[in-house]
Amino acid sequence: MKKIERMLWKLAIIQFIFLFIAQFVVSYSSIAPYIVKVIRYEGVMKNSATKTIETFDQR
């Protein structure tokens, strides 16, 4: 049981370290726009205007 507990603690610490690394890369790096998909969904990287269609719900 002690071996399993030690292994779980090590895995938790490794997971925590990778979480910090990932947060740093996404937050403070210049490559963040290329790896974060939210920017693509918002359309920030596109330079063209998109056509919008307005719909009205008439009840």
Protein backbone atom coordinates (compact mmCIF):
# COMPACT_ATOMS: atom_id res chain seq x y z
CA MET A 1 0.00 0.00 0.00
CA LYS A 2 2.90 2.35 0.73
CA LYS A 3 4.28 1.86 -2.78
CA ILE A 4 0.97 2.83 -4.33
CA GLU A 5 0.71 5.92 -2.15
CA ARG A 6 4.24 7.01 -3.06
CA MET A 7 3.51 6.46 -6.73
CA LEU A 8 0.28 8.49 -6.51
CA TRP A 9 2.09 11.34 -4.77
CA LYS A 10 4.76 11.36 -7.45
CA LEU A 11 2.15 11.38 -10.20
CA ALA A 12 0.29 14.23 -8.49
CA ILE A 13 3.48 16.30 -8.24
CA ILE A 14 4.37 15.63 -11.88
CA GLN A 15 0.83 16.60 -12.92
CA PHE A 16 1.11 19.83 -10.92
CA ILE A 17 4.44 20.69 -12.57
CA PHE A 18 3.03 20.10 -16.05
CA LEU A 19 0.00 22.24 -15.16
CA PHE A 20 2.27 25.14 -14.26
CA ILE A 21 4.30 24.71 -17.44
CA ALA A 22 1.17 24.62 -19.62
CA GLN A 23 -0.32 27.68 -17.92
CA PHE A 24 2.93 29.58 -18.39
CA VAL A 25 3.17 28.69 -22.08
CA VAL A 26 -0.43 29.66 -22.77
CA SER A 27 -0.37 32.87 -20.73
CA TYR A 28 3.07 34.38 -21.27
CA SER A 29 4.36 33.03 -24.52
CA SER A 30 4.32 34.48 -28.01
CA ILE A 31 3.19 31.12 -29.38
CA ALA A 32 -0.08 31.25 -27.43
CA PRO A 33 -2.18 32.47 -30.41
CA TYR A 34 -1.09 29.42 -32.38
CA ILE A 35 -1.96 26.82 -29.73
CA VAL A 36 -5.09 28.29 -28.14
CA LYS A 37 -8.13 27.37 -30.21
CA VAL A 38 -10.39 30.03 -28.66
CA ILE A 39 -8.69 32.73 -30.72
CA ARG A 40 -9.56 30.87 -33.91
CA TYR A 41 -13.17 30.45 -32.85
CA GLU A 42 -13.49 34.17 -32.09
CA GLY A 43 -12.11 35.04 -35.52
CA VAL A 44 -9.31 37.26 -34.26
CA MET A 45 -6.71 35.76 -36.58
CA LYS A 46 -8.79 36.31 -39.73
CA ASN A 47 -8.27 39.53 -41.63
CA SER A 48 -11.44 39.29 -43.70
CA ALA A 49 -14.90 40.50 -42.81
CA THR A 50 -17.60 37.87 -42.65
CA LYS A 51 -21.14 38.26 -43.89
CA THR A 52 -23.76 38.20 -41.18
CA ILE A 53 -27.36 37.19 -41.57
CA GLU A 54 -29.88 38.60 -39.15
CA THR A 55 -32.87 36.49 -38.32
CA PHE A 56 -35.94 37.57 -36.46
CA ASP A 57 -38.15 35.34 -34.38
CA GLN A 58 -41.68 36.46 -35.14
CA ARG A 59 -44.31 34.82 -33.03
